[in-house]
Amino acid sequence: MSVCMVATDGSQHADHALTIASSLAKTDNSKLILVHVVSHDEPPTSVSEGMQVEFGRELETRLSSSSEIYKNLGQMPDYGVIQSQHAEISRVMNTIYGEQLLKHAKDKLRELGHESVESLLLEGDPADQLVAQAREHRADMVVMGCRGLGRLKSLFGSVSQQVAHELDCRVVLVK
């Protein structure tokens, strides 16, 4: 069975990539693997309207149950504590965002007729992780949007360009 890996970051191009990947996977009778890479360098740039309430609840739950942040409210922490807390909040926000993106993308793929979709939530450099996962899962094809939500990466070359350059399998870039 062939493997079609589809990357999502919540951008409009990534949403189009889901639809294209669905069609291609059906045509090739491919296994679908859905991937989102959490990049802690940038916070989520947007949370869709449908995800805002769920996102807020999950963020509050995780921060209140696993963090010193709530315990120290009202006290003036030193700079190191502020940096540490900011890093923890960013990590938690990005993880929740990634989990929700995958859930919503999986739901969309189910609506398109894919009952069994594997999903991977990874951390690190998006291009490096996508290339590594495509190789590890022996993907025959990678489908992804050609412009994501990352602001910094667009200055230095896109994730999609790097993935297309480094992989030997088919890479379908979607606008």
N, C-alpha and C. Protein backbone atom coordinates (compact mmCIF):
# COMPACT_ATOMS: atom_id res chain seq x y z
N MET A 1 0.84 -1.18 0.00
CA MET A 1 0.00 0.00 0.00
C MET A 1 0.89 1.24 0.00
N SER A 2 0.54 2.20 -0.83
CA SER A 2 1.33 3.43 -0.87
C SER A 2 0.92 4.35 0.28
N VAL A 3 1.78 5.30 0.57
CA VAL A 3 1.58 6.21 1.70
C VAL A 3 1.55 7.64 1.19
N CYS A 4 0.51 8.37 1.57
CA CYS A 4 0.39 9.79 1.26
C CYS A 4 0.43 10.55 2.57
N MET A 5 1.43 11.40 2.72
CA MET A 5 1.57 12.21 3.92
C MET A 5 1.08 13.62 3.59
N VAL A 6 0.23 14.16 4.44
CA VAL A 6 -0.27 15.52 4.22
C VAL A 6 0.05 16.37 5.45
N ALA A 7 0.68 17.51 5.19
CA ALA A 7 1.08 18.41 6.27
C ALA A 7 0.03 19.50 6.42
N THR A 8 -0.25 19.86 7.66
CA THR A 8 -1.19 20.94 7.91
C THR A 8 -0.64 21.91 8.94
N ASP A 9 -0.91 23.19 8.71
CA ASP A 9 -0.53 24.21 9.68
C ASP A 9 -1.69 25.17 9.95
N GLY A 10 -2.85 24.84 9.42
CA GLY A 10 -4.02 25.68 9.63
C GLY A 10 -4.20 26.78 8.61
N SER A 11 -3.28 26.91 7.68
CA SER A 11 -3.40 27.95 6.66
C SER A 11 -4.44 27.54 5.62
N GLN A 12 -4.87 28.50 4.83
CA GLN A 12 -5.83 28.23 3.76
C GLN A 12 -5.24 27.25 2.74
N HIS A 13 -3.96 27.41 2.42
CA HIS A 13 -3.31 26.50 1.47
C HIS A 13 -3.26 25.08 2.03
N ALA A 14 -3.01 24.96 3.33
CA ALA A 14 -2.98 23.63 3.95
C ALA A 14 -4.37 22.98 3.91
N ASP A 15 -5.41 23.78 4.09
CA ASP A 15 -6.77 23.24 3.98
C ASP A 15 -7.05 22.73 2.58
N HIS A 16 -6.60 23.46 1.57
CA HIS A 16 -6.75 22.99 0.19
C HIS A 16 -5.94 21.70 -0.02
N ALA A 17 -4.78 21.64 0.62
CA ALA A 17 -3.93 20.45 0.49
C ALA A 17 -4.64 19.21 1.04
N LEU A 18 -5.43 19.37 2.11
CA LEU A 18 -6.19 18.24 2.66
C LEU A 18 -7.14 17.66 1.62
N THR A 19 -7.84 18.54 0.93
CA THR A 19 -8.80 18.10 -0.09
C THR A 19 -8.09 17.40 -1.24
N ILE A 20 -6.98 17.98 -1.69
CA ILE A 20 -6.21 17.38 -2.79
C ILE A 20 -5.64 16.03 -2.35
N ALA A 21 -5.08 15.98 -1.14
CA ALA A 21 -4.50 14.72 -0.63
C ALA A 21 -5.58 13.64 -0.54
N SER A 22 -6.77 14.03 -0.12
CA SER A 22 -7.87 13.07 -0.04
C SER A 22 -8.16 12.46 -1.40
N SER A 23 -8.26 13.30 -2.41
CA SER A 23 -8.53 12.80 -3.78
C SER A 23 -7.41 11.91 -4.28
N LEU A 24 -6.18 12.35 -4.08
CA LEU A 24 -5.03 11.57 -4.56
C LEU A 24 -4.92 10.24 -3.83
N ALA A 25 -5.18 10.25 -2.52
CA ALA A 25 -5.10 9.01 -1.73
C ALA A 25 -6.17 8.02 -2.18
N LYS A 26 -7.35 8.52 -2.50
CA LYS A 26 -8.42 7.63 -2.99
C LYS A 26 -8.04 7.04 -4.34
N THR A 27 -7.48 7.86 -5.21
CA THR A 27 -7.08 7.41 -6.55
C THR A 27 -6.02 6.33 -6.46
N ASP A 28 -5.02 6.54 -5.59
CA ASP A 28 -3.91 5.60 -5.45
C ASP A 28 -4.17 4.51 -4.41
N ASN A 29 -5.32 4.57 -3.72
CA ASN A 29 -5.61 3.67 -2.61
C ASN A 29 -4.50 3.74 -1.56
N SER A 30 -4.12 4.96 -1.21
CA SER A 30 -3.01 5.19 -0.29
C SER A 30 -3.47 5.33 1.16
N LYS A 31 -2.58 4.97 2.05
CA LYS A 31 -2.76 5.23 3.47
C LYS A 31 -2.47 6.72 3.67
N LEU A 32 -3.31 7.41 4.45
CA LEU A 32 -3.11 8.83 4.72
C LEU A 32 -2.46 9.03 6.09
N ILE A 33 -1.42 9.84 6.12
CA ILE A 33 -0.79 10.23 7.38
C ILE A 33 -0.84 11.75 7.44
N LEU A 34 -1.46 12.26 8.48
CA LEU A 34 -1.63 13.69 8.70
C LEU A 34 -0.57 14.16 9.68
N VAL A 35 0.13 15.24 9.34
CA VAL A 35 1.25 15.70 10.17
C VAL A 35 1.13 17.19 10.46
N HIS A 36 1.36 17.54 11.72
CA HIS A 36 1.54 18.95 12.10
C HIS A 36 2.81 19.02 12.94
N VAL A 37 3.63 20.01 12.64
CA VAL A 37 4.87 20.20 13.40
C VAL A 37 4.72 21.46 14.25
N VAL A 38 4.85 21.28 15.56
CA VAL A 38 4.81 22.39 16.49
C VAL A 38 6.17 23.07 16.46
N SER A 39 6.16 24.33 16.09
CA SER A 39 7.39 25.11 16.11
C SER A 39 7.30 26.08 17.28
N HIS A 40 8.19 25.93 18.25
CA HIS A 40 8.14 26.79 19.43
C HIS A 40 8.77 28.15 19.17
N ASP A 41 9.27 28.37 17.94
CA ASP A 41 9.85 29.66 17.61
C ASP A 41 8.78 30.73 17.43
N GLU A 42 7.60 30.33 17.01
CA GLU A 42 6.53 31.28 16.74
C GLU A 42 5.25 30.81 17.42
N PRO A 43 4.51 31.76 18.02
CA PRO A 43 3.22 31.39 18.58
C PRO A 43 2.22 31.17 17.46
N PRO A 44 1.10 30.50 17.74
CA PRO A 44 0.07 30.36 16.71
C PRO A 44 -0.35 31.75 16.24
N THR A 45 -0.47 31.93 14.91
CA THR A 45 -0.83 33.25 14.39
C THR A 45 -2.33 33.46 14.36
N SER A 46 -3.08 32.39 14.38
CA SER A 46 -4.53 32.55 14.41
C SER A 46 -5.15 31.26 14.94
N VAL A 47 -6.27 31.44 15.58
CA VAL A 47 -7.07 30.30 16.01
C VAL A 47 -8.43 30.52 15.39
N SER A 48 -8.87 29.58 14.58
CA SER A 48 -10.14 29.76 13.87
C SER A 48 -11.27 29.95 14.87
N GLU A 49 -12.31 30.60 14.41
CA GLU A 49 -13.44 30.92 15.27
C GLU A 49 -14.00 29.67 15.95
N GLY A 50 -14.08 28.59 15.21
CA GLY A 50 -14.62 27.36 15.76
C GLY A 50 -13.74 26.73 16.83
N MET A 51 -12.46 27.08 16.83
CA MET A 51 -11.53 26.48 17.79
C MET A 51 -11.28 27.37 19.01
N GLN A 52 -11.72 28.64 19.00
CA GLN A 52 -11.36 29.58 20.05
C GLN A 52 -11.81 29.15 21.44
N VAL A 53 -13.05 28.76 21.59
CA VAL A 53 -13.57 28.38 22.90
C VAL A 53 -12.85 27.14 23.41
N GLU A 54 -12.75 26.14 22.55
CA GLU A 54 -12.06 24.89 22.92
C GLU A 54 -10.60 25.18 23.28
N PHE A 55 -9.95 26.04 22.49
CA PHE A 55 -8.56 26.41 22.73
C PHE A 55 -8.41 27.07 24.10
N GLY A 56 -9.28 28.05 24.40
CA GLY A 56 -9.22 28.77 25.67
C GLY A 56 -9.41 27.85 26.87
N ARG A 57 -10.40 26.97 26.77
CA ARG A 57 -10.65 26.04 27.88
C ARG A 57 -9.47 25.11 28.11
N GLU A 58 -8.94 24.57 27.03
CA GLU A 58 -7.82 23.63 27.15
C GLU A 58 -6.58 24.34 27.70
N LEU A 59 -6.33 25.57 27.25
CA LEU A 59 -5.18 26.33 27.74
C LEU A 59 -5.31 26.58 29.24
N GLU A 60 -6.47 27.01 29.68
CA GLU A 60 -6.69 27.26 31.11
C GLU A 60 -6.51 25.99 31.92
N THR A 61 -7.06 24.89 31.45
CA THR A 61 -6.95 23.61 32.16
C THR A 61 -5.50 23.18 32.32
N ARG A 62 -4.76 23.24 31.22
CA ARG A 62 -3.37 22.77 31.28
C ARG A 62 -2.48 23.68 32.10
N LEU A 63 -2.68 24.98 31.98
CA LEU A 63 -1.83 25.89 32.74
C LEU A 63 -2.14 25.84 34.23
N SER A 64 -3.41 25.71 34.59
CA SER A 64 -3.76 25.70 36.01
C SER A 64 -3.36 24.40 36.69
N SER A 65 -3.32 23.30 35.94
CA SER A 65 -3.03 22.02 36.58
C SER A 65 -1.55 21.64 36.56
N SER A 66 -0.77 22.24 35.67
CA SER A 66 0.61 21.78 35.54
C SER A 66 1.63 22.89 35.65
N SER A 67 1.26 23.99 36.23
CA SER A 67 2.16 25.12 36.16
C SER A 67 2.23 25.87 37.49
N GLU A 68 3.35 26.49 37.69
CA GLU A 68 3.53 27.37 38.85
C GLU A 68 2.95 28.75 38.57
N ILE A 69 2.53 28.99 37.34
CA ILE A 69 2.08 30.32 36.95
C ILE A 69 0.89 30.76 37.80
N TYR A 70 -0.11 29.90 37.94
CA TYR A 70 -1.30 30.27 38.69
C TYR A 70 -0.99 30.46 40.17
N LYS A 71 -0.05 29.69 40.70
CA LYS A 71 0.29 29.76 42.12
C LYS A 71 0.96 31.08 42.47
N ASN A 72 1.65 31.70 41.50
CA ASN A 72 2.43 32.90 41.77
C ASN A 72 1.74 34.19 41.32
N LEU A 73 0.47 34.11 40.96
CA LEU A 73 -0.23 35.32 40.55
C LEU A 73 -0.24 36.32 41.71
N GLY A 74 -0.04 37.59 41.40
CA GLY A 74 -0.04 38.63 42.43
C GLY A 74 1.33 38.89 43.01
N GLN A 75 2.31 38.06 42.71
CA GLN A 75 3.67 38.27 43.19
C GLN A 75 4.52 38.79 42.04
N MET A 76 5.52 39.56 42.35
CA MET A 76 6.40 40.10 41.32
C MET A 76 7.57 39.14 41.14
N PRO A 77 7.54 38.33 40.07
CA PRO A 77 8.63 37.38 39.85
C PRO A 77 9.85 38.07 39.24
N ASP A 78 11.00 37.43 39.37
CA ASP A 78 12.19 37.99 38.73
C ASP A 78 12.16 37.66 37.24
N TYR A 79 13.08 38.25 36.50
CA TYR A 79 13.08 38.13 35.04
C TYR A 79 13.21 36.68 34.57
N GLY A 80 14.03 35.90 35.24
CA GLY A 80 14.21 34.49 34.86
C GLY A 80 12.92 33.71 34.97
N VAL A 81 12.15 33.99 36.01
CA VAL A 81 10.86 33.31 36.20
C VAL A 81 9.90 33.72 35.09
N ILE A 82 9.89 35.02 34.75
CA ILE A 82 9.01 35.50 33.67
C ILE A 82 9.36 34.81 32.36
N GLN A 83 10.65 34.72 32.04
CA GLN A 83 11.06 34.04 30.81
C GLN A 83 10.64 32.58 30.81
N SER A 84 10.84 31.92 31.92
CA SER A 84 10.48 30.51 32.04
C SER A 84 8.98 30.32 31.86
N GLN A 85 8.19 31.17 32.51
CA GLN A 85 6.74 31.06 32.40
C GLN A 85 6.27 31.37 30.99
N HIS A 86 6.88 32.36 30.35
CA HIS A 86 6.51 32.69 28.97
C HIS A 86 6.80 31.50 28.05
N ALA A 87 7.95 30.87 28.24
CA ALA A 87 8.30 29.71 27.42
C ALA A 87 7.31 28.57 27.63
N GLU A 88 6.91 28.35 28.89
CA GLU A 88 5.95 27.28 29.18
C GLU A 88 4.59 27.58 28.55
N ILE A 89 4.13 28.82 28.68
CA ILE A 89 2.84 29.20 28.08
C ILE A 89 2.89 29.02 26.57
N SER A 90 3.97 29.46 25.93
CA SER A 90 4.11 29.31 24.48
C SER A 90 4.09 27.84 24.08
N ARG A 91 4.82 27.01 24.83
CA ARG A 91 4.87 25.58 24.52
C ARG A 91 3.48 24.96 24.63
N VAL A 92 2.78 25.28 25.70
CA VAL A 92 1.44 24.73 25.90
C VAL A 92 0.49 25.22 24.82
N MET A 93 0.54 26.52 24.50
CA MET A 93 -0.34 27.08 23.46
C MET A 93 -0.10 26.41 22.11
N ASN A 94 1.16 26.27 21.74
CA ASN A 94 1.49 25.66 20.45
C ASN A 94 1.07 24.19 20.39
N THR A 95 1.22 23.49 21.49
CA THR A 95 0.82 22.08 21.53
C THR A 95 -0.69 21.93 21.41
N ILE A 96 -1.43 22.74 22.17
CA ILE A 96 -2.89 22.69 22.08
C ILE A 96 -3.34 23.04 20.67
N TYR A 97 -2.75 24.07 20.11
CA TYR A 97 -3.09 24.50 18.74
C TYR A 97 -2.86 23.35 17.76
N GLY A 98 -1.71 22.68 17.89
CA GLY A 98 -1.40 21.56 17.00
C GLY A 98 -2.38 20.41 17.16
N GLU A 99 -2.73 20.09 18.40
CA GLU A 99 -3.69 19.02 18.65
C GLU A 99 -5.04 19.34 18.02
N GLN A 100 -5.47 20.59 18.16
CA GLN A 100 -6.76 20.98 17.60
C GLN A 100 -6.73 21.00 16.08
N LEU A 101 -5.62 21.46 15.51
CA LEU A 101 -5.49 21.43 14.05
C LEU A 101 -5.63 20.01 13.52
N LEU A 102 -4.92 19.09 14.15
CA LEU A 102 -4.99 17.69 13.72
C LEU A 102 -6.39 17.13 13.87
N LYS A 103 -7.04 17.45 14.98
CA LYS A 103 -8.41 16.95 15.20
C LYS A 103 -9.34 17.46 14.10
N HIS A 104 -9.28 18.75 13.82
CA HIS A 104 -10.17 19.33 12.81
C HIS A 104 -9.83 18.82 11.40
N ALA A 105 -8.55 18.65 11.12
CA ALA A 105 -8.14 18.11 9.81
C ALA A 105 -8.60 16.67 9.66
N LYS A 106 -8.47 15.89 10.74
CA LYS A 106 -8.94 14.50 10.72
C LYS A 106 -10.45 14.43 10.49
N ASP A 107 -11.17 15.33 11.14
CA ASP A 107 -12.63 15.39 10.95
C ASP A 107 -12.96 15.69 9.50
N LYS A 108 -12.23 16.62 8.90
CA LYS A 108 -12.47 16.96 7.50
C LYS A 108 -12.19 15.76 6.60
N LEU A 109 -11.11 15.05 6.87
CA LEU A 109 -10.78 13.87 6.06
C LEU A 109 -11.83 12.77 6.23
N ARG A 110 -12.37 12.63 7.44
CA ARG A 110 -13.46 11.66 7.65
C ARG A 110 -14.68 12.04 6.82
N GLU A 111 -14.99 13.34 6.79
CA GLU A 111 -16.12 13.81 5.97
C GLU A 111 -15.88 13.51 4.49
N LEU A 112 -14.62 13.48 4.09
CA LEU A 112 -14.27 13.19 2.70
C LEU A 112 -14.15 11.69 2.43
N GLY A 113 -14.46 10.87 3.45
CA GLY A 113 -14.52 9.43 3.24
C GLY A 113 -13.34 8.62 3.73
N HIS A 114 -12.47 9.21 4.54
CA HIS A 114 -11.31 8.49 5.08
C HIS A 114 -11.55 8.16 6.55
N GLU A 115 -11.86 6.92 6.82
CA GLU A 115 -12.15 6.50 8.19
C GLU A 115 -10.88 6.32 9.02
N SER A 116 -9.84 5.85 8.40
CA SER A 116 -8.60 5.55 9.12
C SER A 116 -7.49 6.48 8.66
N VAL A 117 -7.20 7.47 9.49
CA VAL A 117 -6.13 8.42 9.19
C VAL A 117 -5.20 8.46 10.39
N GLU A 118 -3.93 8.20 10.15
CA GLU A 118 -2.93 8.31 11.21
C GLU A 118 -2.56 9.78 11.33
N SER A 119 -2.37 10.26 12.56
CA SER A 119 -1.94 11.65 12.73
C SER A 119 -0.72 11.71 13.64
N LEU A 120 0.16 12.64 13.30
CA LEU A 120 1.40 12.82 14.05
C LEU A 120 1.55 14.28 14.46
N LEU A 121 1.78 14.51 15.74
CA LEU A 121 2.08 15.84 16.25
C LEU A 121 3.55 15.82 16.65
N LEU A 122 4.34 16.61 15.96
CA LEU A 122 5.79 16.60 16.16
C LEU A 122 6.27 17.96 16.62
N GLU A 123 7.47 18.02 17.15
CA GLU A 123 8.08 19.28 17.57
C GLU A 123 9.38 19.48 16.84
N GLY A 124 9.71 20.73 16.57
CA GLY A 124 10.99 21.05 15.96
C GLY A 124 10.85 21.88 14.70
N ASP A 125 11.89 21.82 13.89
CA ASP A 125 11.88 22.55 12.63
C ASP A 125 10.91 21.86 11.67
N PRO A 126 9.92 22.58 11.16
CA PRO A 126 8.90 21.94 10.32
C PRO A 126 9.48 21.21 9.10
N ALA A 127 10.37 21.83 8.36
CA ALA A 127 10.91 21.19 7.16
C ALA A 127 11.69 19.92 7.53
N ASP A 128 12.56 20.02 8.52
CA ASP A 128 13.35 18.86 8.93
C ASP A 128 12.46 17.71 9.39
N GLN A 129 11.44 18.02 10.19
CA GLN A 129 10.55 16.98 10.70
C GLN A 129 9.73 16.35 9.58
N LEU A 130 9.23 17.17 8.64
CA LEU A 130 8.43 16.61 7.54
C LEU A 130 9.27 15.69 6.67
N VAL A 131 10.50 16.10 6.39
CA VAL A 131 11.40 15.27 5.58
C VAL A 131 11.69 13.96 6.32
N ALA A 132 12.01 14.05 7.60
CA ALA A 132 12.33 12.86 8.39
C ALA A 132 11.14 11.90 8.45
N GLN A 133 9.94 12.42 8.68
CA GLN A 133 8.75 11.57 8.76
C GLN A 133 8.40 10.95 7.42
N ALA A 134 8.56 11.71 6.35
CA ALA A 134 8.29 11.17 5.01
C ALA A 134 9.22 10.00 4.73
N ARG A 135 10.47 10.14 5.13
CA ARG A 135 11.44 9.05 4.92
C ARG A 135 11.13 7.87 5.83
N GLU A 136 10.85 8.15 7.10
CA GLU A 136 10.58 7.07 8.06
C GLU A 136 9.34 6.26 7.66
N HIS A 137 8.32 6.92 7.17
CA HIS A 137 7.08 6.24 6.80
C HIS A 137 7.06 5.81 5.34
N ARG A 138 8.20 6.03 4.67
CA ARG A 138 8.34 5.67 3.25
C ARG A 138 7.19 6.22 2.41
N ALA A 139 6.95 7.51 2.59
CA ALA A 139 5.87 8.17 1.86
C ALA A 139 6.17 8.16 0.37
N ASP A 140 5.16 7.82 -0.40
CA ASP A 140 5.26 7.88 -1.85
C ASP A 140 4.94 9.28 -2.34
N MET A 141 4.26 10.04 -1.48
CA MET A 141 3.85 11.38 -1.86
C MET A 141 3.65 12.22 -0.60
N VAL A 142 4.03 13.49 -0.69
CA VAL A 142 3.78 14.45 0.37
C VAL A 142 2.96 15.58 -0.25
N VAL A 143 1.86 15.93 0.40
CA VAL A 143 1.01 17.01 -0.07
C VAL A 143 0.99 18.09 1.00
N MET A 144 1.23 19.32 0.59
CA MET A 144 1.26 20.42 1.56
C MET A 144 0.98 21.75 0.87
N GLY A 145 0.55 22.71 1.66
CA GLY A 145 0.35 24.05 1.14
C GLY A 145 1.68 24.68 0.80
N CYS A 146 1.66 25.58 -0.17
CA CYS A 146 2.93 26.19 -0.57
C CYS A 146 3.24 27.45 0.22
N ARG A 147 2.29 27.95 0.96
CA ARG A 147 2.52 29.09 1.84
C ARG A 147 1.81 28.83 3.15
N GLY A 148 2.57 28.75 4.21
CA GLY A 148 1.96 28.49 5.51
C GLY A 148 1.76 29.75 6.30
N LEU A 149 1.61 29.59 7.60
CA LEU A 149 1.35 30.72 8.48
C LEU A 149 2.62 31.34 9.06
N GLY A 150 3.76 30.69 8.92
CA GLY A 150 4.98 31.20 9.52
C GLY A 150 5.45 32.49 8.87
N ARG A 151 5.74 33.50 9.69
CA ARG A 151 6.18 34.79 9.18
C ARG A 151 7.68 34.79 8.93
N LEU A 152 8.44 34.25 9.84
CA LEU A 152 9.89 34.29 9.75
C LEU A 152 10.41 33.45 8.60
N LYS A 153 9.87 32.24 8.44
CA LYS A 153 10.35 31.33 7.40
C LYS A 153 10.19 31.93 6.00
N SER A 154 9.15 32.74 5.80
CA SER A 154 8.91 33.27 4.46
C SER A 154 10.04 34.20 4.01
N LEU A 155 10.80 34.72 4.94
CA LEU A 155 11.93 35.57 4.58
C LEU A 155 13.12 34.76 4.09
N PHE A 156 13.26 33.54 4.56
CA PHE A 156 14.46 32.75 4.28
C PHE A 156 14.20 31.54 3.38
N GLY A 157 13.04 31.43 2.83
CA GLY A 157 12.70 30.26 2.01
C GLY A 157 11.68 29.44 2.74
N SER A 158 10.72 28.95 2.01
CA SER A 158 9.60 28.30 2.67
C SER A 158 9.90 26.85 3.05
N VAL A 159 9.09 26.36 3.96
CA VAL A 159 9.16 24.96 4.38
C VAL A 159 8.90 24.07 3.17
N SER A 160 7.90 24.43 2.37
CA SER A 160 7.56 23.60 1.20
C SER A 160 8.71 23.51 0.21
N GLN A 161 9.44 24.60 0.02
CA GLN A 161 10.60 24.57 -0.89
C GLN A 161 11.66 23.60 -0.38
N GLN A 162 11.94 23.65 0.91
CA GLN A 162 12.95 22.78 1.49
C GLN A 162 12.52 21.31 1.40
N VAL A 163 11.25 21.03 1.70
CA VAL A 163 10.74 19.66 1.65
C VAL A 163 10.83 19.13 0.22
N ALA A 164 10.39 19.93 -0.74
CA ALA A 164 10.43 19.52 -2.15
C ALA A 164 11.86 19.27 -2.61
N HIS A 165 12.78 20.08 -2.14
CA HIS A 165 14.18 19.95 -2.53
C HIS A 165 14.82 18.69 -1.95
N GLU A 166 14.49 18.35 -0.71
CA GLU A 166 15.18 17.26 -0.02
C GLU A 166 14.60 15.87 -0.25
N LEU A 167 13.33 15.79 -0.64
CA LEU A 167 12.71 14.47 -0.80
C LEU A 167 12.79 13.97 -2.23
N ASP A 168 12.89 12.65 -2.37
CA ASP A 168 12.90 12.02 -3.69
C ASP A 168 11.50 11.60 -4.14
N CYS A 169 10.55 11.53 -3.21
CA CYS A 169 9.19 11.15 -3.59
C CYS A 169 8.46 12.35 -4.21
N ARG A 170 7.25 12.08 -4.71
CA ARG A 170 6.45 13.18 -5.26
C ARG A 170 6.08 14.14 -4.13
N VAL A 171 6.21 15.43 -4.40
CA VAL A 171 5.79 16.46 -3.47
C VAL A 171 4.81 17.35 -4.22
N VAL A 172 3.59 17.41 -3.72
CA VAL A 172 2.54 18.21 -4.35
C VAL A 172 2.34 19.46 -3.50
N LEU A 173 2.60 20.62 -4.09
CA LEU A 173 2.43 21.89 -3.40
C LEU A 173 1.13 22.52 -3.86
N VAL A 174 0.31 22.93 -2.91
CA VAL A 174 -1.05 23.38 -3.20
C VAL A 174 -1.21 24.84 -2.80
N LYS A 175 -1.86 25.61 -3.70
CA LYS A 175 -2.21 27.01 -3.40
C LYS A 175 -3.67 27.11 -3.05
